[in-house]
Amino acid sequence: MSLHLFLLFLHLIAVAIWIGGMFFALCCLRPAVTQVLEPQQRLSLLHAALGRFFRYVAIAIAVILASGLVMMAHIGFADVPRGWHWMLAGGIAMMLIFGHIYGAGYRRLGRAVKAGDWVVAAMAMNGIRRLVVINLVLGIVTIAFAIFGSAF
């Protein structure tokens, strides 16, 4: 097995975890808990679930960035397909948004849940949701750059 194939495997698994997790959280988990749980239970559950998910996202980000940069360096930054540069830019934008989600929104959510301030917790969760929607769209666009980028 070549180093490139191994790095590509790691890269794609990490992308699947991050993008798939965002899709699941937005399209499956959040609507379901909104339907069956009261706000206090819902916000506590979402805070706990996001805490677990964000740990995996942090690992996925490290794997994505490291594997992507090593693959680009191995081929030569000037020689990789143009779409890879767009993919890198999109990925960095997503990483910065995630940093804001975790550093600001999730911490605000945690403080509000701990204090039992459900109005602030709901506002924090809504802010997280909006940024995750943006990141999910960016993730899909970034995948498109990776596949179709050379055609542009």
N, C-alpha and C. Protein backbone atom coordinates (compact mmCIF):
# COMPACT_ATOMS: atom_id res chain seq x y z
N MET A 1 0.85 -1.18 0.00
CA MET A 1 0.00 0.00 0.00
C MET A 1 0.90 1.24 0.00
N SER A 2 0.54 2.20 -0.80
CA SER A 2 1.35 3.42 -0.88
C SER A 2 0.97 4.38 0.24
N LEU A 3 1.89 5.25 0.57
CA LEU A 3 1.66 6.28 1.58
C LEU A 3 0.49 7.17 1.15
N HIS A 4 0.43 7.51 -0.13
CA HIS A 4 -0.64 8.37 -0.63
C HIS A 4 -2.02 7.74 -0.38
N LEU A 5 -2.16 6.45 -0.69
CA LEU A 5 -3.46 5.79 -0.48
C LEU A 5 -3.83 5.74 1.00
N PHE A 6 -2.85 5.49 1.86
CA PHE A 6 -3.12 5.45 3.30
C PHE A 6 -3.55 6.83 3.79
N LEU A 7 -2.86 7.87 3.36
CA LEU A 7 -3.23 9.23 3.76
C LEU A 7 -4.60 9.62 3.22
N LEU A 8 -4.87 9.23 1.99
CA LEU A 8 -6.19 9.52 1.41
C LEU A 8 -7.29 8.82 2.19
N PHE A 9 -7.05 7.57 2.59
CA PHE A 9 -8.01 6.83 3.41
C PHE A 9 -8.28 7.58 4.72
N LEU A 10 -7.23 7.96 5.42
CA LEU A 10 -7.39 8.69 6.69
C LEU A 10 -8.13 10.01 6.46
N HIS A 11 -7.77 10.70 5.40
CA HIS A 11 -8.38 11.98 5.06
C HIS A 11 -9.89 11.82 4.85
N LEU A 12 -10.26 10.85 4.05
CA LEU A 12 -11.69 10.64 3.73
C LEU A 12 -12.49 10.16 4.92
N ILE A 13 -11.91 9.30 5.76
CA ILE A 13 -12.62 8.85 6.96
C ILE A 13 -12.88 10.05 7.88
N ALA A 14 -11.87 10.89 8.07
CA ALA A 14 -12.04 12.06 8.93
C ALA A 14 -13.08 13.02 8.36
N VAL A 15 -13.07 13.22 7.05
CA VAL A 15 -14.08 14.08 6.41
C VAL A 15 -15.48 13.48 6.61
N ALA A 16 -15.60 12.17 6.45
CA ALA A 16 -16.91 11.51 6.62
C ALA A 16 -17.42 11.68 8.04
N ILE A 17 -16.54 11.57 9.02
CA ILE A 17 -16.95 11.74 10.42
C ILE A 17 -17.46 13.16 10.65
N TRP A 18 -16.71 14.14 10.16
CA TRP A 18 -17.09 15.54 10.40
C TRP A 18 -18.35 15.92 9.64
N ILE A 19 -18.37 15.70 8.34
CA ILE A 19 -19.52 16.11 7.52
C ILE A 19 -20.74 15.28 7.88
N GLY A 20 -20.54 13.98 8.02
CA GLY A 20 -21.66 13.10 8.37
C GLY A 20 -22.23 13.44 9.74
N GLY A 21 -21.36 13.77 10.68
CA GLY A 21 -21.83 14.14 12.01
C GLY A 21 -22.65 15.41 11.99
N MET A 22 -22.22 16.38 11.20
CA MET A 22 -23.00 17.62 11.10
C MET A 22 -24.37 17.35 10.48
N PHE A 23 -24.39 16.54 9.43
CA PHE A 23 -25.66 16.20 8.79
C PHE A 23 -26.58 15.49 9.78
N PHE A 24 -26.04 14.50 10.49
CA PHE A 24 -26.84 13.77 11.47
C PHE A 24 -27.38 14.71 12.55
N ALA A 25 -26.52 15.56 13.10
CA ALA A 25 -26.94 16.46 14.17
C ALA A 25 -28.05 17.40 13.71
N LEU A 26 -27.88 17.97 12.51
CA LEU A 26 -28.85 18.95 12.01
C LEU A 26 -30.15 18.32 11.53
N CYS A 27 -30.03 17.24 10.80
CA CYS A 27 -31.20 16.70 10.10
C CYS A 27 -31.90 15.56 10.83
N CYS A 28 -31.24 14.97 11.81
CA CYS A 28 -31.83 13.83 12.52
C CYS A 28 -31.96 14.06 14.02
N LEU A 29 -30.84 14.33 14.69
CA LEU A 29 -30.85 14.45 16.14
C LEU A 29 -31.66 15.65 16.62
N ARG A 30 -31.33 16.83 16.13
CA ARG A 30 -32.00 18.04 16.62
C ARG A 30 -33.51 18.00 16.39
N PRO A 31 -33.99 17.65 15.17
CA PRO A 31 -35.44 17.58 15.00
C PRO A 31 -36.11 16.54 15.90
N ALA A 32 -35.44 15.42 16.13
CA ALA A 32 -36.02 14.38 16.96
C ALA A 32 -36.13 14.82 18.42
N VAL A 33 -35.06 15.40 18.96
CA VAL A 33 -35.12 15.82 20.36
C VAL A 33 -36.08 16.99 20.54
N THR A 34 -36.21 17.83 19.52
CA THR A 34 -37.16 18.93 19.60
C THR A 34 -38.59 18.40 19.68
N GLN A 35 -38.81 17.29 19.03
CA GLN A 35 -40.13 16.68 18.98
C GLN A 35 -40.51 15.98 20.28
N VAL A 36 -39.53 15.39 20.97
CA VAL A 36 -39.88 14.52 22.10
C VAL A 36 -39.42 15.00 23.48
N LEU A 37 -38.55 15.99 23.54
CA LEU A 37 -38.04 16.43 24.84
C LEU A 37 -38.40 17.88 25.14
N GLU A 38 -38.54 18.16 26.42
CA GLU A 38 -38.74 19.53 26.88
C GLU A 38 -37.43 20.30 26.72
N PRO A 39 -37.50 21.63 26.65
CA PRO A 39 -36.28 22.42 26.42
C PRO A 39 -35.11 22.10 27.36
N GLN A 40 -35.39 21.92 28.66
CA GLN A 40 -34.31 21.65 29.60
C GLN A 40 -33.61 20.33 29.27
N GLN A 41 -34.38 19.30 29.01
CA GLN A 41 -33.81 18.00 28.66
C GLN A 41 -33.11 18.06 27.30
N ARG A 42 -33.76 18.71 26.36
CA ARG A 42 -33.22 18.81 25.00
C ARG A 42 -31.87 19.52 25.00
N LEU A 43 -31.81 20.66 25.65
CA LEU A 43 -30.57 21.45 25.65
C LEU A 43 -29.46 20.75 26.43
N SER A 44 -29.82 20.06 27.50
CA SER A 44 -28.83 19.28 28.24
C SER A 44 -28.30 18.13 27.39
N LEU A 45 -29.18 17.45 26.70
CA LEU A 45 -28.77 16.34 25.83
C LEU A 45 -27.91 16.83 24.68
N LEU A 46 -28.33 17.91 24.03
CA LEU A 46 -27.55 18.44 22.92
C LEU A 46 -26.18 18.91 23.37
N HIS A 47 -26.11 19.53 24.54
CA HIS A 47 -24.81 19.95 25.07
C HIS A 47 -23.91 18.73 25.28
N ALA A 48 -24.43 17.67 25.87
CA ALA A 48 -23.63 16.46 26.11
C ALA A 48 -23.22 15.80 24.79
N ALA A 49 -24.16 15.71 23.86
CA ALA A 49 -23.86 15.06 22.57
C ALA A 49 -22.83 15.88 21.78
N LEU A 50 -22.99 17.19 21.76
CA LEU A 50 -22.02 18.03 21.04
C LEU A 50 -20.63 17.94 21.67
N GLY A 51 -20.58 17.85 22.99
CA GLY A 51 -19.29 17.71 23.64
C GLY A 51 -18.54 16.48 23.17
N ARG A 52 -19.25 15.37 23.04
CA ARG A 52 -18.63 14.14 22.53
C ARG A 52 -18.26 14.31 21.05
N PHE A 53 -19.17 14.84 20.26
CA PHE A 53 -18.93 15.01 18.83
C PHE A 53 -17.76 15.94 18.58
N PHE A 54 -17.69 17.04 19.31
CA PHE A 54 -16.62 18.01 19.08
C PHE A 54 -15.24 17.44 19.37
N ARG A 55 -15.14 16.50 20.31
CA ARG A 55 -13.84 15.85 20.54
C ARG A 55 -13.41 15.08 19.29
N TYR A 56 -14.36 14.40 18.68
CA TYR A 56 -14.05 13.66 17.45
C TYR A 56 -13.75 14.62 16.29
N VAL A 57 -14.47 15.74 16.24
CA VAL A 57 -14.20 16.73 15.20
C VAL A 57 -12.79 17.28 15.34
N ALA A 58 -12.36 17.55 16.56
CA ALA A 58 -11.00 18.07 16.76
C ALA A 58 -9.96 17.08 16.24
N ILE A 59 -10.17 15.80 16.51
CA ILE A 59 -9.26 14.77 16.00
C ILE A 59 -9.35 14.72 14.48
N ALA A 60 -10.58 14.76 13.94
CA ALA A 60 -10.77 14.72 12.50
C ALA A 60 -10.07 15.89 11.82
N ILE A 61 -10.17 17.07 12.41
CA ILE A 61 -9.52 18.26 11.84
C ILE A 61 -8.02 18.05 11.77
N ALA A 62 -7.44 17.55 12.84
CA ALA A 62 -5.99 17.31 12.84
C ALA A 62 -5.61 16.30 11.76
N VAL A 63 -6.40 15.24 11.62
CA VAL A 63 -6.12 14.22 10.60
C VAL A 63 -6.29 14.80 9.20
N ILE A 64 -7.36 15.55 8.98
CA ILE A 64 -7.62 16.14 7.66
C ILE A 64 -6.49 17.09 7.28
N LEU A 65 -6.14 17.98 8.18
CA LEU A 65 -5.11 18.96 7.88
C LEU A 65 -3.75 18.29 7.65
N ALA A 66 -3.37 17.39 8.55
CA ALA A 66 -2.06 16.73 8.42
C ALA A 66 -2.00 15.88 7.15
N SER A 67 -3.01 15.05 6.93
CA SER A 67 -2.97 14.17 5.76
C SER A 67 -3.03 14.98 4.47
N GLY A 68 -3.86 16.00 4.43
CA GLY A 68 -3.96 16.82 3.24
C GLY A 68 -2.67 17.55 2.91
N LEU A 69 -2.06 18.14 3.92
CA LEU A 69 -0.81 18.87 3.68
C LEU A 69 0.32 17.92 3.28
N VAL A 70 0.38 16.75 3.90
CA VAL A 70 1.43 15.79 3.52
C VAL A 70 1.22 15.32 2.08
N MET A 71 -0.04 15.04 1.69
CA MET A 71 -0.30 14.62 0.30
C MET A 71 0.07 15.74 -0.67
N MET A 72 -0.28 16.98 -0.32
CA MET A 72 0.06 18.10 -1.20
C MET A 72 1.57 18.27 -1.30
N ALA A 73 2.26 18.17 -0.18
CA ALA A 73 3.72 18.32 -0.19
C ALA A 73 4.38 17.19 -0.97
N HIS A 74 3.83 15.99 -0.84
CA HIS A 74 4.41 14.83 -1.53
C HIS A 74 4.32 15.00 -3.05
N ILE A 75 3.21 15.53 -3.51
CA ILE A 75 3.03 15.75 -4.95
C ILE A 75 3.75 17.04 -5.37
N GLY A 76 3.75 18.01 -4.48
CA GLY A 76 4.31 19.33 -4.79
C GLY A 76 3.16 20.32 -4.85
N PHE A 77 3.20 21.34 -4.02
CA PHE A 77 2.08 22.28 -3.94
C PHE A 77 1.75 22.90 -5.30
N ALA A 78 2.74 23.15 -6.11
CA ALA A 78 2.51 23.75 -7.42
C ALA A 78 1.93 22.75 -8.42
N ASP A 79 2.09 21.45 -8.15
CA ASP A 79 1.67 20.43 -9.11
C ASP A 79 0.33 19.77 -8.78
N VAL A 80 -0.22 20.02 -7.58
CA VAL A 80 -1.50 19.39 -7.25
C VAL A 80 -2.61 20.04 -8.07
N PRO A 81 -3.70 19.32 -8.27
CA PRO A 81 -4.82 19.91 -9.01
C PRO A 81 -5.30 21.20 -8.35
N ARG A 82 -5.74 22.13 -9.16
CA ARG A 82 -6.20 23.44 -8.68
C ARG A 82 -7.30 23.29 -7.62
N GLY A 83 -8.15 22.31 -7.80
CA GLY A 83 -9.23 22.09 -6.84
C GLY A 83 -8.74 21.79 -5.45
N TRP A 84 -7.54 21.22 -5.33
CA TRP A 84 -6.98 20.93 -4.01
C TRP A 84 -6.68 22.21 -3.24
N HIS A 85 -6.25 23.25 -3.95
CA HIS A 85 -6.00 24.52 -3.28
C HIS A 85 -7.32 25.13 -2.79
N TRP A 86 -8.36 25.02 -3.60
CA TRP A 86 -9.68 25.48 -3.18
C TRP A 86 -10.18 24.65 -2.00
N MET A 87 -9.91 23.34 -2.05
CA MET A 87 -10.31 22.45 -0.96
C MET A 87 -9.60 22.87 0.33
N LEU A 88 -8.33 23.18 0.25
CA LEU A 88 -7.58 23.63 1.42
C LEU A 88 -8.18 24.92 1.98
N ALA A 89 -8.50 25.86 1.10
CA ALA A 89 -9.09 27.12 1.55
C ALA A 89 -10.45 26.89 2.22
N GLY A 90 -11.27 26.06 1.61
CA GLY A 90 -12.57 25.75 2.21
C GLY A 90 -12.42 25.04 3.54
N GLY A 91 -11.48 24.11 3.62
CA GLY A 91 -11.24 23.39 4.87
C GLY A 91 -10.77 24.31 5.98
N ILE A 92 -9.90 25.23 5.65
CA ILE A 92 -9.41 26.18 6.66
C ILE A 92 -10.56 27.07 7.14
N ALA A 93 -11.41 27.51 6.22
CA ALA A 93 -12.58 28.31 6.62
C ALA A 93 -13.47 27.51 7.57
N MET A 94 -13.68 26.24 7.25
CA MET A 94 -14.50 25.38 8.11
C MET A 94 -13.86 25.21 9.49
N MET A 95 -12.55 25.06 9.51
CA MET A 95 -11.84 24.89 10.78
C MET A 95 -11.96 26.14 11.64
N LEU A 96 -11.88 27.31 11.02
CA LEU A 96 -12.03 28.56 11.76
C LEU A 96 -13.44 28.70 12.31
N ILE A 97 -14.43 28.33 11.52
CA ILE A 97 -15.82 28.38 12.00
C ILE A 97 -16.00 27.40 13.15
N PHE A 98 -15.45 26.20 13.02
CA PHE A 98 -15.54 25.23 14.12
C PHE A 98 -14.89 25.80 15.38
N GLY A 99 -13.74 26.44 15.22
CA GLY A 99 -13.08 27.05 16.38
C GLY A 99 -13.98 28.05 17.08
N HIS A 100 -14.73 28.82 16.31
CA HIS A 100 -15.67 29.78 16.89
C HIS A 100 -16.85 29.06 17.54
N ILE A 101 -17.37 28.04 16.88
CA ILE A 101 -18.48 27.28 17.46
C ILE A 101 -18.06 26.73 18.82
N TYR A 102 -16.89 26.11 18.86
CA TYR A 102 -16.45 25.48 20.11
C TYR A 102 -16.04 26.53 21.14
N GLY A 103 -15.24 27.50 20.71
CA GLY A 103 -14.69 28.46 21.66
C GLY A 103 -15.69 29.45 22.20
N ALA A 104 -16.72 29.75 21.44
CA ALA A 104 -17.71 30.75 21.89
C ALA A 104 -19.08 30.10 22.13
N GLY A 105 -19.67 29.55 21.09
CA GLY A 105 -21.03 29.05 21.19
C GLY A 105 -21.20 27.89 22.15
N TYR A 106 -20.35 26.89 22.02
CA TYR A 106 -20.48 25.70 22.87
C TYR A 106 -20.20 26.05 24.33
N ARG A 107 -19.22 26.89 24.57
CA ARG A 107 -18.92 27.28 25.96
C ARG A 107 -20.07 28.09 26.55
N ARG A 108 -20.66 28.96 25.72
CA ARG A 108 -21.83 29.73 26.18
C ARG A 108 -22.98 28.78 26.50
N LEU A 109 -23.20 27.80 25.64
CA LEU A 109 -24.24 26.80 25.88
C LEU A 109 -23.98 26.07 27.19
N GLY A 110 -22.74 25.65 27.41
CA GLY A 110 -22.41 24.91 28.62
C GLY A 110 -22.63 25.73 29.88
N ARG A 111 -22.23 26.99 29.86
CA ARG A 111 -22.44 27.86 31.03
C ARG A 111 -23.93 28.03 31.30
N ALA A 112 -24.72 28.21 30.25
CA ALA A 112 -26.16 28.42 30.42
C ALA A 112 -26.85 27.16 30.91
N VAL A 113 -26.47 26.00 30.38
CA VAL A 113 -27.05 24.73 30.84
C VAL A 113 -26.72 24.52 32.31
N LYS A 114 -25.47 24.74 32.68
CA LYS A 114 -25.05 24.56 34.07
C LYS A 114 -25.82 25.49 35.01
N ALA A 115 -26.07 26.72 34.54
CA ALA A 115 -26.79 27.70 35.37
C ALA A 115 -28.31 27.52 35.31
N GLY A 116 -28.78 26.66 34.41
CA GLY A 116 -30.22 26.49 34.26
C GLY A 116 -30.89 27.67 33.56
N ASP A 117 -30.12 28.44 32.82
CA ASP A 117 -30.64 29.59 32.08
C ASP A 117 -31.03 29.10 30.68
N TRP A 118 -32.26 28.62 30.56
CA TRP A 118 -32.68 27.93 29.34
C TRP A 118 -32.90 28.88 28.18
N VAL A 119 -33.19 30.14 28.46
CA VAL A 119 -33.34 31.13 27.38
C VAL A 119 -31.98 31.37 26.72
N VAL A 120 -30.96 31.60 27.52
CA VAL A 120 -29.61 31.81 26.98
C VAL A 120 -29.11 30.54 26.32
N ALA A 121 -29.40 29.39 26.93
CA ALA A 121 -28.98 28.11 26.34
C ALA A 121 -29.61 27.92 24.96
N ALA A 122 -30.88 28.25 24.84
CA ALA A 122 -31.57 28.11 23.54
C ALA A 122 -30.97 29.07 22.51
N MET A 123 -30.64 30.28 22.93
CA MET A 123 -30.03 31.23 22.00
C MET A 123 -28.65 30.74 21.57
N ALA A 124 -27.88 30.20 22.50
CA ALA A 124 -26.56 29.67 22.16
C ALA A 124 -26.69 28.48 21.21
N MET A 125 -27.64 27.60 21.47
CA MET A 125 -27.83 26.44 20.60
C MET A 125 -28.26 26.87 19.21
N ASN A 126 -29.09 27.89 19.12
CA ASN A 126 -29.51 28.39 17.81
C ASN A 126 -28.33 28.99 17.05
N GLY A 127 -27.44 29.69 17.76
CA GLY A 127 -26.24 30.22 17.11
C GLY A 127 -25.34 29.11 16.61
N ILE A 128 -25.19 28.07 17.41
CA ILE A 128 -24.40 26.90 16.99
C ILE A 128 -25.03 26.28 15.75
N ARG A 129 -26.34 26.11 15.78
CA ARG A 129 -27.05 25.50 14.64
C ARG A 129 -26.80 26.27 13.35
N ARG A 130 -26.89 27.60 13.42
CA ARG A 130 -26.67 28.43 12.21
C ARG A 130 -25.26 28.24 11.66
N LEU A 131 -24.28 28.23 12.55
CA LEU A 131 -22.89 28.06 12.10
C LEU A 131 -22.63 26.65 11.57
N VAL A 132 -23.28 25.66 12.16
CA VAL A 132 -23.13 24.29 11.65
C VAL A 132 -23.77 24.17 10.27
N VAL A 133 -24.87 24.84 10.04
CA VAL A 133 -25.47 24.85 8.69
C VAL A 133 -24.47 25.43 7.69
N ILE A 134 -23.85 26.55 8.06
CA ILE A 134 -22.86 27.16 7.17
C ILE A 134 -21.71 26.19 6.93
N ASN A 135 -21.23 25.54 8.00
CA ASN A 135 -20.11 24.61 7.85
C ASN A 135 -20.49 23.39 7.03
N LEU A 136 -21.70 22.91 7.18
CA LEU A 136 -22.14 21.77 6.37
C LEU A 136 -22.16 22.14 4.89
N VAL A 137 -22.71 23.29 4.57
CA VAL A 137 -22.73 23.75 3.17
C VAL A 137 -21.29 23.93 2.67
N LEU A 138 -20.44 24.56 3.48
CA LEU A 138 -19.03 24.71 3.09
C LEU A 138 -18.36 23.35 2.89
N GLY A 139 -18.70 22.39 3.74
CA GLY A 139 -18.14 21.05 3.59
C GLY A 139 -18.52 20.41 2.28
N ILE A 140 -19.78 20.55 1.90
CA ILE A 140 -20.25 19.97 0.63
C ILE A 140 -19.58 20.69 -0.54
N VAL A 141 -19.48 22.01 -0.46
CA VAL A 141 -18.81 22.78 -1.51
C VAL A 141 -17.33 22.39 -1.59
N THR A 142 -16.71 22.18 -0.44
CA THR A 142 -15.30 21.80 -0.41
C THR A 142 -15.08 20.43 -1.05
N ILE A 143 -15.98 19.51 -0.81
CA ILE A 143 -15.91 18.20 -1.47
C ILE A 143 -16.06 18.39 -2.99
N ALA A 144 -16.96 19.27 -3.39
CA ALA A 144 -17.12 19.54 -4.83
C ALA A 144 -15.84 20.12 -5.42
N PHE A 145 -15.18 21.02 -4.69
CA PHE A 145 -13.89 21.55 -5.15
C PHE A 145 -12.89 20.43 -5.35
N ALA A 146 -12.86 19.50 -4.41
CA ALA A 146 -11.89 18.40 -4.49
C ALA A 146 -12.13 17.55 -5.73
N ILE A 147 -13.39 17.36 -6.08
CA ILE A 147 -13.72 16.47 -7.20
C ILE A 147 -13.74 17.21 -8.53
N PHE A 148 -14.37 18.36 -8.54
CA PHE A 148 -14.59 19.07 -9.81
C PHE A 148 -13.70 20.29 -9.99
N GLY A 149 -12.86 20.59 -9.00
CA GLY A 149 -12.10 21.84 -9.00
C GLY A 149 -11.24 22.05 -10.22
N SER A 150 -10.68 21.01 -10.76
CA SER A 150 -9.80 21.17 -11.92
C SER A 150 -10.57 21.57 -13.17
N ALA A 151 -11.89 21.36 -13.14
CA ALA A 151 -12.71 21.70 -14.31
C ALA A 151 -13.01 23.20 -14.37
N PHE A 152 -12.79 23.92 -13.27
CA PHE A 152 -13.11 25.35 -13.24
C PHE A 152 -11.93 26.18 -13.65
